[in-house]
Structures are given as structure tokens and as C-alpha cells.
Amino acid sequence: MITSRLTSRFRTTIPQAVRHALRLRDGDRFVYGGPAQKTLAPMRTL
């Protein structure tokens, strides 16, 4: 499992393996799930 940590400024780095697998690019937007879900998904279609 790949993880990342939230900083005190509420920032995180998406690991390179995840960025490549999801084909993320600069400026991509994300949708966040509810408190129980803790999910994150790119808004664009892959």
C-alpha cells in the first residue's frame, strides 16, 4: 500500500507511482469523499 502524510499546512505529495498510474497532470482537480469514506479521485476521465 502506498501512503502519504498530510502536513501541518494541510498539504500532501501524491507519490510518483500514483501520479503515473492515474496519469495526473498539473492543474487536475479532485473530488473528496465524506468523512467516513476518506476517498480521493481525479475529476477527469482516464
Protein backbone atom coordinates (compact mmCIF):
# COMPACT_ATOMS: atom_id res chain seq x y z
CA MET A 1 0.00 0.00 0.00
CA ILE A 2 1.31 3.45 -0.90
CA THR A 3 0.69 6.24 1.61
CA SER A 4 1.37 9.93 2.02
CA ARG A 5 1.20 12.23 5.01
CA LEU A 6 -0.76 15.45 5.49
CA THR A 7 1.49 18.33 6.62
CA SER A 8 0.67 20.91 9.28
CA ARG A 9 -0.29 23.24 6.39
CA PHE A 10 -2.76 20.59 5.12
CA ARG A 11 -0.70 19.69 2.06
CA THR A 12 0.37 16.32 0.77
CA THR A 13 2.55 14.95 -2.01
CA ILE A 14 0.96 12.37 -4.27
CA PRO A 15 3.58 9.63 -4.67
CA GLN A 16 5.13 9.32 -8.12
CA ALA A 17 3.82 5.79 -8.66
CA VAL A 18 0.26 7.02 -8.04
CA ARG A 19 0.71 10.10 -10.27
CA HIS A 20 1.89 7.91 -13.13
CA ALA A 21 -0.79 5.24 -12.64
CA LEU A 22 -3.58 7.86 -12.67
CA ARG A 23 -1.88 9.96 -15.37
CA LEU A 24 -2.20 13.06 -13.19
CA ARG A 25 -1.17 16.42 -14.58
CA ASP A 26 -0.58 19.88 -13.18
CA GLY A 27 -3.92 21.58 -12.58
CA ASP A 28 -6.00 18.39 -12.24
CA ARG A 29 -8.91 18.72 -9.79
CA PHE A 30 -10.05 16.13 -7.27
CA VAL A 31 -13.31 15.04 -5.65
CA TYR A 32 -13.16 14.23 -1.94
CA GLY A 33 -15.49 11.70 -0.29
CA GLY A 34 -17.35 12.12 3.00
CA PRO A 35 -15.71 11.78 6.44
CA ALA A 36 -16.25 8.01 6.65
CA GLN A 37 -15.03 7.34 3.10
CA LYS A 38 -11.66 9.13 3.10
CA THR A 39 -11.53 8.85 -0.67
CA LEU A 40 -9.86 10.99 -3.30
CA ALA A 41 -10.47 10.72 -7.02
CA PRO A 42 -9.46 12.76 -10.06
CA MET A 43 -12.40 14.59 -11.67
CA ARG A 44 -11.30 13.92 -15.24
CA THR A 45 -11.95 10.68 -17.11
CA LEU A 46 -8.89 8.48 -17.54
